[in-house]
Amino acid sequence: MAMDDNAIRAGVIATICEVAPEVEPDRLVGAGPLRQQVDLDSMDWLNVIIGWHQRFGVEIPEADYAKLTSVDAVVAYIAQRAPTQKSQR
């Protein structure tokens, strides 16, 4: 069964807060520019992306990093690609 958007959103934000504990999750604006809201350097940003991969089992190729512009965009990206029943490995 696929995760719903609220569960994905909670996981996306939890991962950000694990990498950047100073981020206040209640202040994140879903459609707002994510990198500006959380002010992460490139290494922390990469750690967030790796965290999403580990949490959701979704491959995120470097070519797609530019698509991850907001919390809403990340949720939609993961919802489209998250494994449903079983991983196909």
PDB file of N, CA and C in Angstrom:
ATOM      1  N   MET A   1       0.847  -1.188   0.000  1.00  0.00           N
ATOM      2  CA  MET A   1       0.000   0.000   0.000  1.00  0.00           C
ATOM      3  C   MET A   1       0.887   1.244   0.000  1.00  0.00           C
ATOM      4  N   ALA A   2       0.540   2.197  -0.808  1.00  0.00           N
ATOM      5  CA  ALA A   2       1.322   3.420  -0.913  1.00  0.00           C
ATOM      6  C   ALA A   2       1.122   4.292   0.323  1.00  0.00           C
ATOM      7  N   MET A   3       2.161   5.039   0.667  1.00  0.00           N
ATOM      8  CA  MET A   3       2.047   5.985   1.778  1.00  0.00           C
ATOM      9  C   MET A   3       1.201   7.167   1.322  1.00  0.00           C
ATOM     10  N   ASP A   4       0.454   7.741   2.253  1.00  0.00           N
ATOM     11  CA  ASP A   4      -0.293   8.931   1.862  1.00  0.00           C
ATOM     12  C   ASP A   4       0.610  10.165   1.985  1.00  0.00           C
ATOM     13  N   ASP A   5       0.147  11.251   1.381  1.00  0.00           N
ATOM     14  CA  ASP A   5       0.964  12.462   1.336  1.00  0.00           C
ATOM     15  C   ASP A   5       1.313  12.992   2.725  1.00  0.00           C
ATOM     16  N   ASN A   6       0.390  12.857   3.682  1.00  0.00           N
ATOM     17  CA  ASN A   6       0.673  13.355   5.027  1.00  0.00           C
ATOM     18  C   ASN A   6       1.805  12.572   5.684  1.00  0.00           C
ATOM     19  N   ALA A   7       1.828  11.259   5.484  1.00  0.00           N
ATOM     20  CA  ALA A   7       2.907  10.431   6.040  1.00  0.00           C
ATOM     21  C   ALA A   7       4.234  10.771   5.363  1.00  0.00           C
ATOM     22  N   ILE A   8       4.186  10.972   4.063  1.00  0.00           N
ATOM     23  CA  ILE A   8       5.409  11.344   3.341  1.00  0.00           C
ATOM     24  C   ILE A   8       5.899  12.705   3.827  1.00  0.00           C
ATOM     25  N   ARG A   9       4.984  13.665   3.929  1.00  0.00           N
ATOM     26  CA  ARG A   9       5.354  15.015   4.399  1.00  0.00           C
ATOM     27  C   ARG A   9       6.008  14.940   5.782  1.00  0.00           C
ATOM     28  N   ALA A  10       5.426  14.159   6.684  1.00  0.00           N
ATOM     29  CA  ALA A  10       5.985  14.025   8.036  1.00  0.00           C
ATOM     30  C   ALA A  10       7.402  13.445   7.968  1.00  0.00           C
ATOM     31  N   GLY A  11       7.606  12.453   7.111  1.00  0.00           N
ATOM     32  CA  GLY A  11       8.928  11.860   6.963  1.00  0.00           C
ATOM     33  C   GLY A  11       9.936  12.796   6.328  1.00  0.00           C
ATOM     34  N   VAL A  12       9.483  13.559   5.346  1.00  0.00           N
ATOM     35  CA  VAL A  12      10.352  14.538   4.680  1.00  0.00           C
ATOM     36  C   VAL A  12      10.839  15.561   5.701  1.00  0.00           C
ATOM     37  N   ILE A  13       9.924  16.088   6.493  1.00  0.00           N
ATOM     38  CA  ILE A  13      10.274  17.111   7.483  1.00  0.00           C
ATOM     39  C   ILE A  13      11.122  16.510   8.600  1.00  0.00           C
ATOM     40  N   ALA A  14      10.790  15.298   9.043  1.00  0.00           N
ATOM     41  CA  ALA A  14      11.576  14.639  10.097  1.00  0.00           C
ATOM     42  C   ALA A  14      13.026  14.456   9.645  1.00  0.00           C
ATOM     43  N   THR A  15      13.213  14.087   8.395  1.00  0.00           N
ATOM     44  CA  THR A  15      14.570  13.896   7.867  1.00  0.00           C
ATOM     45  C   THR A  15      15.335  15.218   7.859  1.00  0.00           C
ATOM     46  N   ILE A  16      14.674  16.286   7.441  1.00  0.00           N
ATOM     47  CA  ILE A  16      15.316  17.604   7.457  1.00  0.00           C
ATOM     48  C   ILE A  16      15.749  17.951   8.878  1.00  0.00           C
ATOM     49  N   CYS A  17      14.872  17.706   9.844  1.00  0.00           N
ATOM     50  CA  CYS A  17      15.167  18.056  11.239  1.00  0.00           C
ATOM     51  C   CYS A  17      16.260  17.174  11.842  1.00  0.00           C
ATOM     52  N   GLU A  18      16.408  15.956  11.341  1.00  0.00           N
ATOM     53  CA  GLU A  18      17.498  15.097  11.814  1.00  0.00           C
ATOM     54  C   GLU A  18      18.850  15.668  11.377  1.00  0.00           C
ATOM     55  N   VAL A  19      18.909  16.182  10.166  1.00  0.00           N
ATOM     56  CA  VAL A  19      20.154  16.743   9.645  1.00  0.00           C
ATOM     57  C   VAL A  19      20.377  18.150  10.192  1.00  0.00           C
ATOM     58  N   ALA A  20      19.304  18.908  10.332  1.00  0.00           N
ATOM     59  CA  ALA A  20      19.393  20.306  10.772  1.00  0.00           C
ATOM     60  C   ALA A  20      18.426  20.523  11.943  1.00  0.00           C
ATOM     61  N   PRO A  21      18.838  20.147  13.158  1.00  0.00           N
ATOM     62  CA  PRO A  21      17.929  20.237  14.311  1.00  0.00           C
ATOM     63  C   PRO A  21      17.447  21.653  14.630  1.00  0.00           C
ATOM     64  N   GLU A  22      18.134  22.657  14.083  1.00  0.00           N
ATOM     65  CA  GLU A  22      17.709  24.041  14.336  1.00  0.00           C
ATOM     66  C   GLU A  22      16.475  24.436  13.541  1.00  0.00           C
ATOM     67  N   VAL A  23      16.098  23.635  12.545  1.00  0.00           N
ATOM     68  CA  VAL A  23      14.922  23.927  11.729  1.00  0.00           C
ATOM     69  C   VAL A  23      13.659  23.744  12.573  1.00  0.00           C
ATOM     70  N   GLU A  24      12.774  24.713  12.500  1.00  0.00           N
ATOM     71  CA  GLU A  24      11.497  24.626  13.203  1.00  0.00           C
ATOM     72  C   GLU A  24      10.460  24.106  12.208  1.00  0.00           C
ATOM     73  N   PRO A  25      10.043  22.836  12.367  1.00  0.00           N
ATOM     74  CA  PRO A  25       9.159  22.224  11.367  1.00  0.00           C
ATOM     75  C   PRO A  25       7.856  22.981  11.152  1.00  0.00           C
ATOM     76  N   ASP A  26       7.331  23.606  12.188  1.00  0.00           N
ATOM     77  CA  ASP A  26       6.063  24.329  12.049  1.00  0.00           C
ATOM     78  C   ASP A  26       6.201  25.587  11.200  1.00  0.00           C
ATOM     79  N   ARG A  27       7.425  26.022  10.978  1.00  0.00           N
ATOM     80  CA  ARG A  27       7.633  27.243  10.197  1.00  0.00           C
ATOM     81  C   ARG A  27       7.902  26.961   8.727  1.00  0.00           C
ATOM     82  N   LEU A  28       8.007  25.691   8.345  1.00  0.00           N
ATOM     83  CA  LEU A  28       8.243  25.363   6.935  1.00  0.00           C
ATOM     84  C   LEU A  28       6.970  25.599   6.129  1.00  0.00           C
ATOM     85  N   VAL A  29       7.097  26.328   5.051  1.00  0.00           N
ATOM     86  CA  VAL A  29       5.982  26.597   4.156  1.00  0.00           C
ATOM     87  C   VAL A  29       6.058  25.585   3.023  1.00  0.00           C
ATOM     88  N   GLY A  30       4.976  24.819   2.824  1.00  0.00           N
ATOM     89  CA  GLY A  30       4.975  23.727   1.852  1.00  0.00           C
ATOM     90  C   GLY A  30       5.435  24.112   0.469  1.00  0.00           C
ATOM     91  N   ALA A  31       4.974  25.264  -0.022  1.00  0.00           N
ATOM     92  CA  ALA A  31       5.309  25.673  -1.383  1.00  0.00           C
ATOM     93  C   ALA A  31       6.518  26.607  -1.425  1.00  0.00           C
ATOM     94  N   GLY A  32       7.035  26.975  -0.262  1.00  0.00           N
ATOM     95  CA  GLY A  32       8.161  27.912  -0.220  1.00  0.00           C
ATOM     96  C   GLY A  32       9.463  27.255  -0.640  1.00  0.00           C
ATOM     97  N   PRO A  33      10.440  28.058  -1.090  1.00  0.00           N
ATOM     98  CA  PRO A  33      11.729  27.515  -1.522  1.00  0.00           C
ATOM     99  C   PRO A  33      12.442  26.833  -0.348  1.00  0.00           C
ATOM    100  N   LEU A  34      12.597  25.540  -0.456  1.00  0.00           N
ATOM    101  CA  LEU A  34      13.080  24.732   0.658  1.00  0.00           C
ATOM    102  C   LEU A  34      14.491  25.101   1.097  1.00  0.00           C
ATOM    103  N   ARG A  35      15.409  25.200   0.166  1.00  0.00           N
ATOM    104  CA  ARG A  35      16.801  25.474   0.554  1.00  0.00           C
ATOM    105  C   ARG A  35      16.921  26.830   1.253  1.00  0.00           C
ATOM    106  N   GLN A  36      16.099  27.802   0.872  1.00  0.00           N
ATOM    107  CA  GLN A  36      16.144  29.105   1.547  1.00  0.00           C
ATOM    108  C   GLN A  36      15.544  29.009   2.945  1.00  0.00           C
ATOM    109  N   GLN A  37      14.506  28.198   3.096  1.00  0.00           N
ATOM    110  CA  GLN A  37      13.850  28.079   4.398  1.00  0.00           C
ATOM    111  C   GLN A  37      14.730  27.382   5.428  1.00  0.00           C
ATOM    112  N   VAL A  38      15.494  26.397   4.986  1.00  0.00           N
ATOM    113  CA  VAL A  38      16.277  25.624   5.943  1.00  0.00           C
ATOM    114  C   VAL A  38      17.752  26.013   5.958  1.00  0.00           C
ATOM    115  N   ASP A  39      18.204  26.795   4.973  1.00  0.00           N
ATOM    116  CA  ASP A  39      19.558  27.333   4.943  1.00  0.00           C
ATOM    117  C   ASP A  39      20.614  26.248   5.167  1.00  0.00           C
ATOM    118  N   LEU A  40      20.578  25.206   4.322  1.00  0.00           N
ATOM    119  CA  LEU A  40      21.537  24.120   4.432  1.00  0.00           C
ATOM    120  C   LEU A  40      22.691  24.322   3.460  1.00  0.00           C
ATOM    121  N   ASP A  41      23.889  23.974   3.900  1.00  0.00           N
ATOM    122  CA  ASP A  41      25.001  23.975   2.956  1.00  0.00           C
ATOM    123  C   ASP A  41      24.881  22.732   2.079  1.00  0.00           C
ATOM    124  N   SER A  42      25.722  22.629   1.072  1.00  0.00           N
ATOM    125  CA  SER A  42      25.554  21.545   0.106  1.00  0.00           C
ATOM    126  C   SER A  42      25.770  20.167   0.723  1.00  0.00           C
ATOM    127  N   MET A  43      26.645  20.034   1.713  1.00  0.00           N
ATOM    128  CA  MET A  43      26.858  18.735   2.352  1.00  0.00           C
ATOM    129  C   MET A  43      25.621  18.336   3.174  1.00  0.00           C
ATOM    130  N   ASP A  44      25.053  19.268   3.916  1.00  0.00           N
ATOM    131  CA  ASP A  44      23.830  18.957   4.670  1.00  0.00           C
ATOM    132  C   ASP A  44      22.681  18.638   3.720  1.00  0.00           C
ATOM    133  N   TRP A  45      22.583  19.362   2.610  1.00  0.00           N
ATOM    134  CA  TRP A  45      21.526  19.099   1.627  1.00  0.00           C
ATOM    135  C   TRP A  45      21.667  17.678   1.091  1.00  0.00           C
ATOM    136  N   LEU A  46      22.896  17.277   0.787  1.00  0.00           N
ATOM    137  CA  LEU A  46      23.140  15.921   0.311  1.00  0.00           C
ATOM    138  C   LEU A  46      22.747  14.897   1.380  1.00  0.00           C
ATOM    139  N   ASN A  47      23.047  15.193   2.637  1.00  0.00           N
ATOM    140  CA  ASN A  47      22.660  14.293   3.729  1.00  0.00           C
ATOM    141  C   ASN A  47      21.144  14.177   3.852  1.00  0.00           C
ATOM    142  N   VAL A  48      20.428  15.266   3.614  1.00  0.00           N
ATOM    143  CA  VAL A  48      18.958  15.223   3.625  1.00  0.00           C
ATOM    144  C   VAL A  48      18.461  14.316   2.495  1.00  0.00           C
ATOM    145  N   ILE A  49      19.012  14.469   1.309  1.00  0.00           N
ATOM    146  CA  ILE A  49      18.597  13.645   0.167  1.00  0.00           C
ATOM    147  C   ILE A  49      18.890  12.165   0.440  1.00  0.00           C
ATOM    148  N   ILE A  50      20.056  11.885   0.990  1.00  0.00           N
ATOM    149  CA  ILE A  50      20.393  10.494   1.354  1.00  0.00           C
ATOM    150  C   ILE A  50      19.403   9.986   2.398  1.00  0.00           C
ATOM    151  N   GLY A  51      19.050  10.833   3.346  1.00  0.00           N
ATOM    152  CA  GLY A  51      18.071  10.453   4.370  1.00  0.00           C
ATOM    153  C   GLY A  51      16.719  10.107   3.767  1.00  0.00           C
ATOM    154  N   TRP A  52      16.283  10.887   2.774  1.00  0.00           N
ATOM    155  CA  TRP A  52      15.018  10.578   2.105  1.00  0.00           C
ATOM    156  C   TRP A  52      15.116   9.250   1.380  1.00  0.00           C
ATOM    157  N   HIS A  53      16.230   9.005   0.737  1.00  0.00           N
ATOM    158  CA  HIS A  53      16.435   7.725   0.046  1.00  0.00           C
ATOM    159  C   HIS A  53      16.319   6.567   1.041  1.00  0.00           C
ATOM    160  N   GLN A  54      16.973   6.702   2.181  1.00  0.00           N
ATOM    161  CA  GLN A  54      16.955   5.633   3.181  1.00  0.00           C
ATOM    162  C   GLN A  54      15.570   5.465   3.804  1.00  0.00           C
ATOM    163  N   ARG A  55      14.911   6.556   4.096  1.00  0.00           N
ATOM    164  CA  ARG A  55      13.600   6.499   4.754  1.00  0.00           C
ATOM    165  C   ARG A  55      12.518   5.936   3.841  1.00  0.00           C
ATOM    166  N   PHE A  56      12.547   6.346   2.574  1.00  0.00           N
ATOM    167  CA  PHE A  56      11.452   6.000   1.663  1.00  0.00           C
ATOM    168  C   PHE A  56      11.807   4.937   0.625  1.00  0.00           C
ATOM    169  N   GLY A  57      13.079   4.578   0.520  1.00  0.00           N
ATOM    170  CA  GLY A  57      13.482   3.587  -0.469  1.00  0.00           C
ATOM    171  C   GLY A  57      13.366   4.086  -1.897  1.00  0.00           C
ATOM    172  N   VAL A  58      13.535   5.383  -2.074  1.00  0.00           N
ATOM    173  CA  VAL A  58      13.393   6.005  -3.395  1.00  0.00           C
ATOM    174  C   VAL A  58      14.765   6.432  -3.891  1.00  0.00           C
ATOM    175  N   GLU A  59      15.102   5.994  -5.090  1.00  0.00           N
ATOM    176  CA  GLU A  59      16.340   6.456  -5.725  1.00  0.00           C
ATOM    177  C   GLU A  59      16.137   7.901  -6.170  1.00  0.00           C
ATOM    178  N   ILE A  60      17.079   8.763  -5.826  1.00  0.00           N
ATOM    179  CA  ILE A  60      16.998  10.162  -6.236  1.00  0.00           C
ATOM    180  C   ILE A  60      18.297  10.493  -6.973  1.00  0.00           C
ATOM    181  N   PRO A  61      18.287  10.363  -8.309  1.00  0.00           N
ATOM    182  CA  PRO A  61      19.504  10.659  -9.064  1.00  0.00           C
ATOM    183  C   PRO A  61      19.862  12.139  -8.993  1.00  0.00           C
ATOM    184  N   GLU A  62      21.140  12.408  -9.082  1.00  0.00           N
ATOM    185  CA  GLU A  62      21.611  13.792  -8.998  1.00  0.00           C
ATOM    186  C   GLU A  62      20.917  14.699 -10.012  1.00  0.00           C
ATOM    187  N   ALA A  63      20.567  14.149 -11.168  1.00  0.00           N
ATOM    188  CA  ALA A  63      19.878  14.931 -12.198  1.00  0.00           C
ATOM    189  C   ALA A  63      18.522  15.447 -11.713  1.00  0.00           C
ATOM    190  N   ASP A  64      17.940  14.806 -10.693  1.00  0.00           N
ATOM    191  CA  ASP A  64      16.632  15.219 -10.182  1.00  0.00           C
ATOM    192  C   ASP A  64      16.711  16.182  -8.998  1.00  0.00           C
ATOM    193  N   TYR A  65      17.891  16.449  -8.483  1.00  0.00           N
ATOM    194  CA  TYR A  65      18.011  17.319  -7.303  1.00  0.00           C
ATOM    195  C   TYR A  65      17.336  18.671  -7.523  1.00  0.00           C
ATOM    196  N   ALA A  66      17.407  19.200  -8.726  1.00  0.00           N
ATOM    197  CA  ALA A  66      16.824  20.509  -9.022  1.00  0.00           C
ATOM    198  C   ALA A  66      15.298  20.492  -8.921  1.00  0.00           C
ATOM    199  N   LYS A  67      14.683  19.314  -8.967  1.00  0.00           N
ATOM    200  CA  LYS A  67      13.227  19.214  -8.845  1.00  0.00           C
ATOM    201  C   LYS A  67      12.758  19.327  -7.396  1.00  0.00           C
ATOM    202  N   LEU A  68      13.676  19.199  -6.453  1.00  0.00           N
ATOM    203  CA  LEU A  68      13.331  19.155  -5.031  1.00  0.00           C
ATOM    204  C   LEU A  68      13.367  20.563  -4.449  1.00  0.00           C
ATOM    205  N   THR A  69      12.477  21.406  -4.951  1.00  0.00           N
ATOM    206  CA  THR A  69      12.532  22.840  -4.650  1.00  0.00           C
ATOM    207  C   THR A  69      11.751  23.267  -3.416  1.00  0.00           C
ATOM    208  N   SER A  70      10.791  22.453  -3.005  1.00  0.00           N
ATOM    209  CA  SER A  70       9.948  22.803  -1.857  1.00  0.00           C
ATOM    210  C   SER A  70       9.509  21.518  -1.171  1.00  0.00           C
ATOM    211  N   VAL A  71       8.964  21.641   0.029  1.00  0.00           N
ATOM    212  CA  VAL A  71       8.437  20.457   0.717  1.00  0.00           C
ATOM    213  C   VAL A  71       7.370  19.804  -0.157  1.00  0.00           C
ATOM    214  N   ASP A  72       6.491  20.605  -0.739  1.00  0.00           N
ATOM    215  CA  ASP A  72       5.437  20.054  -1.603  1.00  0.00           C
ATOM    216  C   ASP A  72       6.026  19.289  -2.786  1.00  0.00           C
ATOM    217  N   ALA A  73       7.076  19.844  -3.400  1.00  0.00           N
ATOM    218  CA  ALA A  73       7.706  19.187  -4.548  1.00  0.00           C
ATOM    219  C   ALA A  73       8.360  17.870  -4.141  1.00  0.00           C
ATOM    220  N   VAL A  74       8.986  17.842  -2.965  1.00  0.00           N
ATOM    221  CA  VAL A  74       9.623  16.607  -2.484  1.00  0.00           C
ATOM    222  C   VAL A  74       8.561  15.550  -2.199  1.00  0.00           C
ATOM    223  N   VAL A  75       7.466  15.956  -1.563  1.00  0.00           N
ATOM    224  CA  VAL A  75       6.381  15.010  -1.264  1.00  0.00           C
ATOM    225  C   VAL A  75       5.842  14.409  -2.564  1.00  0.00           C
ATOM    226  N   ALA A  76       5.591  15.241  -3.556  1.00  0.00           N
ATOM    227  CA  ALA A  76       5.074  14.748  -4.840  1.00  0.00           C
ATOM    228  C   ALA A  76       6.083  13.823  -5.513  1.00  0.00           C
ATOM    229  N   TYR A  77       7.360  14.195  -5.461  1.00  0.00           N
ATOM    230  CA  TYR A  77       8.422  13.386  -6.079  1.00  0.00           C
ATOM    231  C   TYR A  77       8.460  12.000  -5.437  1.00  0.00           C
ATOM    232  N   ILE A  78       8.464  11.966  -4.115  1.00  0.00           N
ATOM    233  CA  ILE A  78       8.548  10.689  -3.405  1.00  0.00           C
ATOM    234  C   ILE A  78       7.269   9.880  -3.603  1.00  0.00           C
ATOM    235  N   ALA A  79       6.112  10.540  -3.569  1.00  0.00           N
ATOM    236  CA  ALA A  79       4.836   9.824  -3.754  1.00  0.00           C
ATOM    237  C   ALA A  79       4.791   9.113  -5.106  1.00  0.00           C
ATOM    238  N   GLN A  80       5.360   9.718  -6.136  1.00  0.00           N
ATOM    239  CA  GLN A  80       5.370   9.112  -7.474  1.00  0.00           C
ATOM    240  C   GLN A  80       6.300   7.911  -7.543  1.00  0.00           C
ATOM    241  N   ARG A  81       7.349   7.911  -6.734  1.00  0.00           N
ATOM    242  CA  ARG A  81       8.409   6.915  -6.888  1.00  0.00           C
ATOM    243  C   ARG A  81       8.504   5.905  -5.748  1.00  0.00           C
ATOM    244  N   ALA A  82       7.798   6.138  -4.660  1.00  0.00           N
ATOM    245  CA  ALA A  82       7.901   5.231  -3.506  1.00  0.00           C
ATOM    246  C   ALA A  82       7.408   3.832  -3.860  1.00  0.00           C
ATOM    247  N   PRO A  83       8.133   2.834  -3.397  1.00  0.00           N
ATOM    248  CA  PRO A  83       7.671   1.465  -3.633  1.00  0.00           C
ATOM    249  C   PRO A  83       6.323   1.253  -2.933  1.00  0.00           C
ATOM    250  N   THR A  84       5.446   0.499  -3.548  1.00  0.00           N
ATOM    251  CA  THR A  84       4.132   0.266  -2.961  1.00  0.00           C
ATOM    252  C   THR A  84       4.154  -0.997  -2.107  1.00  0.00           C
ATOM    253  N   GLN A  85       3.930  -2.137  -2.684  1.00  0.00           N
ATOM    254  CA  GLN A  85       3.877  -3.372  -1.911  1.00  0.00           C
ATOM    255  C   GLN A  85       5.263  -3.872  -1.524  1.00  0.00           C
ATOM    256  N   LYS A  86       6.072  -4.156  -2.542  1.00  0.00           N
ATOM    257  CA  LYS A  86       7.393  -4.710  -2.307  1.00  0.00           C
ATOM    258  C   LYS A  86       8.387  -3.985  -3.195  1.00  0.00           C
ATOM    259  N   SER A  87       9.604  -3.929  -2.730  1.00  0.00           N
ATOM    260  CA  SER A  87      10.666  -3.412  -3.576  1.00  0.00           C
ATOM    261  C   SER A  87      10.871  -4.385  -4.722  1.00  0.00           C
ATOM    262  N   GLN A  88      11.236  -3.884  -5.872  1.00  0.00           N
ATOM    263  CA  GLN A  88      11.404  -4.752  -7.033  1.00  0.00           C
ATOM    264  C   GLN A  88      12.865  -5.158  -7.198  1.00  0.00           C
ATOM    265  N   ARG A  89      13.591  -5.308  -6.119  1.00  0.00           N
ATOM    266  CA  ARG A  89      14.997  -5.718  -6.194  1.00  0.00           C
ATOM    267  C   ARG A  89      15.116  -7.205  -6.119  1.00  0.00           C
TER     268      ARG A  89
END
